[in-house]
Protein backbone atom coordinates (compact mmCIF):
# COMPACT_ATOMS: atom_id res chain seq x y z
CA UNK A 1 182.54 132.08 143.67
CA UNK A 2 178.98 134.26 142.51
CA UNK A 3 181.10 134.88 138.91
CA UNK A 4 182.07 131.43 138.50
CA UNK A 5 178.16 130.23 138.83
CA UNK A 6 177.06 132.99 136.77
CA UNK A 7 179.85 131.53 133.85
CA UNK A 8 178.35 128.02 134.81
CA UNK A 9 174.43 129.00 134.19
CA UNK A 10 175.37 130.88 131.31
CA UNK A 11 177.78 128.41 129.21
CA UNK A 12 174.81 125.88 130.65
CA UNK A 13 172.29 127.92 128.85
CA UNK A 14 174.25 128.56 125.57
CA UNK A 15 175.77 125.38 125.02
CA UNK A 16 172.84 123.12 126.17
CA UNK A 17 170.21 124.98 123.67
CA UNK A 18 172.94 124.07 121.05
CA UNK A 19 173.11 120.37 121.65
CA UNK A 20 169.27 120.09 122.63
CA UNK A 21 169.53 120.44 118.31
CA UNK A 22 171.53 117.30 117.99
CA UNK A 23 168.65 115.47 120.75
CA UNK A 24 171.12 115.74 123.89
CA UNK A 25 169.43 116.20 127.01
CA UNK A 26 170.76 120.43 127.61
CA UNK A 27 172.09 119.45 131.06
CA UNK A 28 174.93 118.03 129.69
CA UNK A 29 176.68 121.05 128.81
CA UNK A 30 177.62 121.14 132.35
CA UNK A 31 179.20 118.29 132.07
CA UNK A 32 181.71 119.04 129.17
CA UNK A 33 182.38 122.09 131.20
CA UNK A 34 183.18 120.52 133.78
CA UNK A 35 186.00 118.65 131.67
CA UNK A 36 187.49 120.91 130.10
CA UNK A 37 187.71 123.07 133.74
CA UNK A 38 189.00 119.80 135.04
CA UNK A 39 192.31 121.29 132.56
CA UNK A 40 191.85 124.84 131.85
CA UNK A 41 190.40 125.95 134.93
CA UNK A 42 190.38 130.18 135.02
CA UNK A 43 188.63 129.86 138.36
CA UNK A 44 191.47 127.36 140.21
CA UNK A 45 192.09 130.19 142.70
CA UNK A 46 188.73 130.39 143.61
CA UNK A 47 188.56 126.62 143.79
CA UNK A 48 191.84 125.95 145.15
CA UNK A 49 190.81 128.47 148.17
CA UNK A 50 189.63 125.82 150.89
CA UNK A 51 185.87 127.77 152.67
CA UNK A 52 185.20 128.68 148.36
CA UNK A 53 185.11 124.63 147.95
CA UNK A 54 183.73 123.32 150.31
CA UNK A 55 180.64 125.86 149.45
CA UNK A 56 180.71 124.90 145.85
CA UNK A 57 180.68 120.78 147.00
CA UNK A 58 177.60 121.66 149.72
CA UNK A 59 175.82 123.23 146.79
CA UNK A 60 177.04 120.16 144.20
CA UNK A 61 175.43 117.98 146.61
CA UNK A 62 172.34 119.41 147.21
CA UNK A 63 172.19 119.01 143.80
CA UNK A 64 172.71 115.20 143.41
CA UNK A 65 170.28 114.63 146.04
CA UNK A 66 167.49 117.17 144.46
CA UNK A 67 167.99 114.93 141.44
CA UNK A 68 167.82 111.88 143.38
CA UNK A 69 164.17 113.33 144.80
CA UNK A 70 162.84 114.61 141.36
CA UNK A 71 163.74 110.62 140.64
CA UNK A 72 161.56 109.37 143.22
CA UNK A 73 159.06 112.18 142.41
CA UNK A 74 158.17 110.49 139.07
CA UNK A 75 158.23 106.99 140.30
CA UNK A 76 155.00 105.53 139.41
CA UNK A 77 154.65 102.57 142.17
CA UNK A 78 150.49 101.93 140.32
CA UNK A 79 152.21 101.91 137.11
CA UNK A 80 155.33 99.67 138.20
CA UNK A 81 152.24 97.02 139.52
CA UNK A 82 150.39 97.14 136.18
CA UNK A 83 153.45 96.31 134.14
CA UNK A 84 153.08 93.27 131.39
CA UNK A 85 154.56 89.99 132.08
CA UNK A 86 156.91 90.66 128.62
CA UNK A 87 157.97 94.02 130.70
CA UNK A 88 158.93 91.96 133.82
CA UNK A 89 160.81 89.59 132.06
CA UNK A 90 162.73 92.18 129.85
CA UNK A 91 163.77 93.73 132.45
CA UNK A 92 165.01 90.96 134.69
CA UNK A 93 166.70 89.51 131.88
CA UNK A 94 168.74 92.68 131.09
CA UNK A 95 169.57 93.23 134.79
CA UNK A 96 170.59 90.47 135.85
CA UNK A 97 172.69 89.31 132.26
CA UNK A 98 174.76 93.67 132.38
CA UNK A 99 174.88 93.08 136.16
CA UNK A 100 176.75 89.46 136.23
CA UNK A 101 178.80 90.62 132.50
CA UNK A 102 179.89 94.12 134.30
CA UNK A 103 180.64 92.57 137.85
CA UNK A 104 183.88 89.68 135.82
CA UNK A 105 184.19 93.30 133.75
CA UNK A 106 185.94 94.93 136.32
CA UNK A 107 186.62 92.20 138.09
CA UNK A 108 188.92 89.66 135.82
CA UNK A 109 190.08 92.76 133.64
CA UNK A 110 189.58 96.28 135.02
CA UNK A 111 191.50 95.13 138.00
CA UNK A 112 194.88 93.90 136.16
CA UNK A 113 194.92 96.75 134.27
CA UNK A 114 194.35 99.82 136.96
CA UNK A 115 196.42 97.58 139.64
CA UNK A 116 192.97 98.04 142.18
CA UNK A 117 191.04 95.25 144.15
CA UNK A 118 188.11 95.60 143.87
CA UNK A 119 186.07 93.11 145.26
CA UNK A 120 182.66 91.22 143.99
CA UNK A 121 180.89 93.57 146.34
CA UNK A 122 181.99 96.79 144.60
CA UNK A 123 182.52 95.22 141.08
CA UNK A 124 179.25 93.87 141.80
CA UNK A 125 177.39 97.75 142.71
CA UNK A 126 179.34 99.68 139.86
CA UNK A 127 178.03 96.72 137.23
CA UNK A 128 174.74 98.06 138.04
CA UNK A 129 175.31 101.41 138.06
CA UNK A 130 175.96 100.29 133.85
CA UNK A 131 171.91 98.68 134.35
CA UNK A 132 170.31 102.07 134.73
CA UNK A 133 168.14 103.29 132.13
CA UNK A 134 167.89 107.21 131.18
CA UNK A 135 164.21 106.81 129.99
CA UNK A 136 163.37 110.47 130.19
CA UNK A 137 166.38 111.12 127.61
CA UNK A 138 163.86 109.08 125.66
CA UNK A 139 160.36 110.44 126.01
CA UNK A 140 160.59 113.82 123.92
CA UNK A 141 161.82 111.28 120.90
CA UNK A 142 159.55 109.46 121.71
CA UNK A 143 156.25 111.75 121.75
CA UNK A 144 157.91 113.56 118.63
CA UNK A 145 157.51 110.29 116.26
CA UNK A 146 154.37 109.50 118.25
CA UNK A 147 154.95 106.44 119.05
CA UNK A 148 154.65 106.71 123.10
CA UNK A 149 151.40 105.15 123.31
CA UNK A 150 152.88 102.27 120.78
CA UNK A 151 154.27 98.72 122.21
CA UNK A 152 157.08 99.87 121.57
CA UNK A 153 157.26 103.04 123.29
CA UNK A 154 155.80 102.00 126.49
CA UNK A 155 158.08 98.89 126.99
CA UNK A 156 160.69 101.13 126.80
CA UNK A 157 159.01 103.28 129.52
CA UNK A 158 157.69 100.68 131.32
CA UNK A 159 161.57 98.35 131.52
CA UNK A 160 162.61 102.36 133.39
CA UNK A 161 160.47 102.90 135.68
CA UNK A 162 160.84 98.99 136.88
CA UNK A 163 164.44 100.04 136.91
CA UNK A 164 164.04 102.81 138.69
CA UNK A 165 162.87 100.47 141.77
CA UNK A 166 166.49 98.31 140.72
CA UNK A 167 167.98 101.58 141.60
CA UNK A 168 166.36 102.29 145.17
CA UNK A 169 167.74 98.73 145.81
CA UNK A 170 171.69 99.33 144.62
CA UNK A 171 171.33 102.73 146.77
CA UNK A 172 170.32 100.95 149.64
CA UNK A 173 173.01 98.44 149.38
CA UNK A 174 175.56 101.25 149.37
CA UNK A 175 174.09 103.02 152.06
CA UNK A 176 174.70 99.95 154.11
CA UNK A 177 178.41 99.72 152.26
CA UNK A 178 179.33 103.28 152.74
CA UNK A 179 178.14 103.11 156.33
CA UNK A 180 180.07 100.33 157.29
CA UNK A 181 183.35 101.66 155.92
CA UNK A 182 182.75 104.99 157.40
CA UNK A 183 181.38 103.96 160.39
CA UNK A 184 183.23 102.12 163.16
CA UNK A 185 181.90 98.77 164.01
CA UNK A 186 180.13 99.50 167.16
CA UNK A 187 177.90 102.60 165.09
CA UNK A 188 176.85 100.32 162.58
CA UNK A 189 173.57 99.65 164.86
CA UNK A 190 172.85 103.61 164.40
CA UNK A 191 173.73 103.43 160.43
CA UNK A 192 170.68 100.22 160.50
CA UNK A 193 168.31 102.42 162.98
CA UNK A 194 168.62 105.00 160.54
CA UNK A 195 168.00 103.19 157.63
CA UNK A 196 164.92 101.55 159.57
CA UNK A 197 163.67 104.86 160.52
CA UNK A 198 163.76 105.84 156.91
CA UNK A 199 161.98 103.05 155.92
CA UNK A 200 159.69 103.96 158.04
CA UNK A 201 158.46 106.61 157.44
CA UNK A 202 158.54 106.04 153.96
CA UNK A 203 155.28 103.52 154.27
CA UNK A 204 153.72 105.51 156.96
CA UNK A 205 153.85 108.58 154.16
CA UNK A 206 152.68 106.14 151.36
CA UNK A 207 149.62 104.35 153.76
CA UNK A 208 148.35 107.88 154.75
CA UNK A 209 148.26 108.95 151.46
CA UNK A 210 144.54 109.21 151.55
CA UNK A 211 144.96 111.45 154.40
CA UNK A 212 147.48 113.54 152.84
CA UNK A 213 144.57 114.18 150.00
CA UNK A 214 142.81 115.82 152.25
CA UNK A 215 145.08 117.82 153.69
CA UNK A 216 144.37 121.88 152.93
CA UNK A 217 147.08 123.78 151.40
CA UNK A 218 146.49 127.17 151.57
CA UNK A 219 148.39 128.38 147.90
CA UNK A 220 151.20 126.40 146.52
CA UNK A 221 154.16 128.44 148.82
CA UNK A 222 153.20 126.55 151.53
CA UNK A 223 152.51 123.75 149.66
CA UNK A 224 155.94 123.75 148.56
CA UNK A 225 157.32 124.70 152.20
CA UNK A 226 156.29 121.52 153.03
CA UNK A 227 157.77 119.06 150.65
CA UNK A 228 160.89 121.29 151.28
CA UNK A 229 160.85 120.32 154.77
CA UNK A 230 159.95 116.67 154.55
CA UNK A 231 163.46 116.75 151.73
CA UNK A 232 165.46 117.79 154.39
CA UNK A 233 163.93 115.68 157.36
CA UNK A 234 164.60 112.05 155.49
CA UNK A 235 168.68 114.15 154.49
CA UNK A 236 169.10 114.63 158.04
CA UNK A 237 168.16 110.95 158.86
CA UNK A 238 169.79 109.44 156.31
CA UNK A 239 172.98 111.19 156.82
CA UNK A 240 173.40 109.14 160.17
CA UNK A 241 173.74 105.90 157.80
CA UNK A 242 176.19 107.64 155.28
CA UNK A 243 172.89 107.18 152.86
CA UNK A 244 171.65 110.55 151.80
CA UNK A 245 171.21 109.88 148.72
CA UNK A 246 168.62 107.01 149.17
CA UNK A 247 166.83 109.34 151.98
CA UNK A 248 166.56 112.01 148.95
CA UNK A 249 165.37 108.70 146.62
CA UNK A 250 162.85 107.36 149.27
CA UNK A 251 161.30 111.04 149.73
CA UNK A 252 160.32 111.71 146.55
CA UNK A 253 158.31 108.73 146.25
CA UNK A 254 156.67 109.72 150.19
CA UNK A 255 155.49 113.03 148.53
CA UNK A 256 154.77 111.23 145.12
CA UNK A 257 151.97 109.28 146.88
CA UNK A 258 150.91 111.80 149.74
CA UNK A 259 150.28 115.30 147.70
CA UNK A 260 146.98 115.95 146.51
CA UNK A 261 147.03 115.06 143.23
CA UNK A 262 145.44 117.92 141.85
CA UNK A 263 148.41 120.00 143.32
CA UNK A 264 151.03 116.99 142.29
CA UNK A 265 151.36 118.45 138.59
CA UNK A 266 151.75 122.34 139.85
CA UNK A 267 154.45 121.13 142.54
CA UNK A 268 155.87 118.91 140.41
CA UNK A 269 156.65 121.25 138.03
CA UNK A 270 158.36 124.29 140.69
CA UNK A 271 160.18 121.69 142.12
CA UNK A 272 161.54 120.24 138.72
CA UNK A 273 162.56 124.02 138.10
CA UNK A 274 164.88 124.82 141.29
CA UNK A 275 166.51 121.36 140.91
CA UNK A 276 167.26 121.53 137.03
CA UNK A 277 167.82 125.70 136.55
CA UNK A 278 169.74 125.94 140.46
CA UNK A 279 171.78 122.95 141.08
CA UNK A 280 171.70 120.12 138.79
CA UNK A 281 173.67 121.83 136.55
CA UNK A 282 176.29 122.85 139.54
CA UNK A 283 176.17 119.26 140.55
CA UNK A 284 177.40 118.09 136.61
CA UNK A 285 179.96 120.42 136.66
CA UNK A 286 181.29 119.01 140.28
CA UNK A 287 181.63 114.99 138.29
CA UNK A 288 182.95 116.15 135.46
CA UNK A 289 185.35 118.38 137.35
CA UNK A 290 186.51 115.02 139.18
CA UNK A 291 187.33 112.99 135.36
CA UNK A 292 190.97 113.14 134.75
CA UNK A 293 191.58 113.68 131.22
CA UNK A 294 194.59 111.37 131.22
CA UNK A 295 193.21 108.32 132.44
CA UNK A 296 190.53 109.30 128.99
CA UNK A 297 193.56 109.47 126.64
CA UNK A 298 195.73 106.61 128.57
CA UNK A 299 192.88 104.09 128.62
CA UNK A 300 190.72 104.40 125.49
CA UNK A 301 189.92 100.91 124.49
CA UNK A 302 189.13 100.65 128.23
CA UNK A 303 186.85 102.81 127.65
CA UNK A 304 185.22 101.32 124.59
CA UNK A 305 185.36 97.77 126.09
CA UNK A 306 182.76 99.93 128.48
CA UNK A 307 180.67 100.61 126.31
CA UNK A 308 180.49 97.39 124.11
CA UNK A 309 179.45 95.35 126.98
CA UNK A 310 177.00 97.14 128.14
CA UNK A 311 175.52 98.63 124.73
CA UNK A 312 176.00 95.11 123.92
CA UNK A 313 174.55 93.01 126.36
CA UNK A 314 170.91 95.38 126.08
CA UNK A 315 170.96 94.86 122.21
CA UNK A 316 171.43 90.95 123.16
CA UNK A 317 168.97 90.52 125.36
CA UNK A 318 166.57 92.64 123.78
CA UNK A 319 166.59 91.28 120.93
CA UNK A 320 166.02 87.56 122.03
CA UNK A 321 163.08 88.25 124.14
CA UNK A 322 161.33 90.81 121.93
CA UNK A 323 161.85 88.75 118.79
CA UNK A 324 158.52 87.35 118.77
CA UNK A 325 156.50 89.82 121.07
CA UNK A 326 157.64 93.23 119.07
CA UNK A 327 159.64 91.69 115.47
CA UNK A 328 163.33 92.58 114.81
CA UNK A 329 163.60 96.23 114.09
CA UNK A 330 161.30 96.95 117.31
CA UNK A 331 163.95 94.38 119.57
CA UNK A 332 166.87 96.80 118.02
CA UNK A 333 165.59 99.91 118.49
CA UNK A 334 164.72 98.57 122.40
CA UNK A 335 168.23 97.55 123.03
CA UNK A 336 169.43 101.13 121.43
CA UNK A 337 166.85 103.38 123.83
CA UNK A 338 167.72 101.43 126.93
CA UNK A 339 171.56 101.65 126.56
CA UNK A 340 170.93 105.71 127.02
CA UNK A 341 172.16 106.29 130.60
CA UNK A 342 171.56 109.42 133.00
CA UNK A 343 171.06 110.65 136.66
CA UNK A 344 170.84 107.61 138.96
CA UNK A 345 173.83 106.08 137.35
CA UNK A 346 176.53 108.93 137.32
CA UNK A 347 175.18 109.46 140.87
CA UNK A 348 176.36 105.87 141.90
CA UNK A 349 180.00 105.87 140.48
CA UNK A 350 179.89 109.86 141.57
CA UNK A 351 179.01 108.13 145.90
CA UNK A 352 181.53 105.48 145.25
CA UNK A 353 184.26 107.80 144.25
CA UNK A 354 183.72 110.49 146.97
CA UNK A 355 183.79 107.56 149.45
CA UNK A 356 187.34 106.05 147.83
CA UNK A 357 185.60 102.52 147.04
CA UNK A 358 186.53 102.87 143.00
CA UNK A 359 189.55 105.14 141.89
CA UNK A 360 190.06 108.07 139.92
CA UNK A 361 191.01 105.76 136.53
CA UNK A 362 188.10 103.40 136.73
CA UNK A 363 185.63 106.62 137.71
CA UNK A 364 186.92 108.91 134.64
CA UNK A 365 186.06 105.99 132.48
CA UNK A 366 182.65 104.93 133.65
CA UNK A 367 182.25 109.15 133.38
CA UNK A 368 183.09 108.44 130.00
CA UNK A 369 181.71 105.96 128.32
CA UNK A 370 178.20 107.61 130.39
CA UNK A 371 179.11 110.60 128.19
CA UNK A 372 179.49 108.34 125.18
CA UNK A 373 176.01 106.45 125.03
CA UNK A 374 174.30 109.87 126.37
CA UNK A 375 175.46 111.54 123.56
CA UNK A 376 175.15 108.98 120.62
CA UNK A 377 172.50 106.99 121.71
CA UNK A 378 169.86 109.63 121.10
CA UNK A 379 170.84 110.46 117.97
CA UNK A 380 171.34 106.61 117.04
CA UNK A 381 167.46 105.93 117.97
CA UNK A 382 165.86 109.20 116.15
CA UNK A 383 167.66 108.47 112.83
CA UNK A 384 166.48 104.94 113.25
CA UNK A 385 162.94 105.58 113.81
CA UNK A 386 162.88 108.00 110.60
CA UNK A 387 164.22 105.49 108.91
CA UNK A 388 162.34 102.89 109.53
CA UNK A 389 158.94 104.76 110.10
CA UNK A 390 156.01 103.03 110.51
CA UNK A 391 157.45 99.49 111.50
CA UNK A 392 157.03 100.93 115.47
CA UNK A 393 153.46 101.99 115.49
CA UNK A 394 151.57 98.89 116.46
CA UNK A 395 150.21 99.12 119.68
CA UNK A 396 149.21 97.87 123.11
């Protein structure tokens, strides 16, 4: 197991440096490794031994929760409140359009073709995972071209921030759905009570933000221990409701508002280092290893259909709502940029798969489409910015 983990980190390091040259996030090298290992795995004996397999799965799940914790850590409620009407309208139109079309796609096309029986509720939840935006992937590109503070750059970041709120609701919805599937009906009260406690804790910590800023942390190590305590406390309560993913996100949001501002950036750096440097590569390998390549070879048209529906919806909607506000080319750039996906969408799909709410063919197709977006969009977006240099420089 230790040699297997060392191999994961070495491959992620070396191949990650290679794909970064093509503006692809280095962490996706771990996803590629997982896909390769799903087919050719010299460590199959290690993974096949049940105690070690459980150990690897546990580390991967911790990575998933830390990823959601960091996402919650980055949600700025004040910035969301200050969002302009254009950003609010754009986000609403994009989410609604993609959710409706994605639901129809899963229900009327994927059900018969994959011999599945997904109801409207599951189809809608999967469609919401389509609609998530990985704006973090684009920020380095926006910074490189000096357009973070332009109207286009701020619109992308603003829609990405509002999208985070939609992701919170998606996780709440999924937590209730998964909890009701796992528990007997007599225990639904425990599920709802656990969720209630999580929200009360989140609101309470958020409301006591001013007091938290006065809290004296002796050193960074003490502060780090406090943050990890809150993280695992939320996970422990969330586990009763089968909603540990939501609990991790809420823990991050709570800490964002509670921690002293002067220490916030420093501790955020510490948490991200542990998250992305240790646990998240294991999570992405776990995601990749769950994919069956045979399904990718059997259903290439369905993968392209997901890409077309998801990307095409964003392009059309952003062009309609942004043509007058931004301009034609800027609207196209906005639609392309918002098509990139990253962490939360993958987490939602993985949880649905692990709880047997979606089957292996659909899971493989969705992860493959996410990978296509993540590999293609940054390249296309950066090249169009370079080609149309100067068009996106208008400021608020």
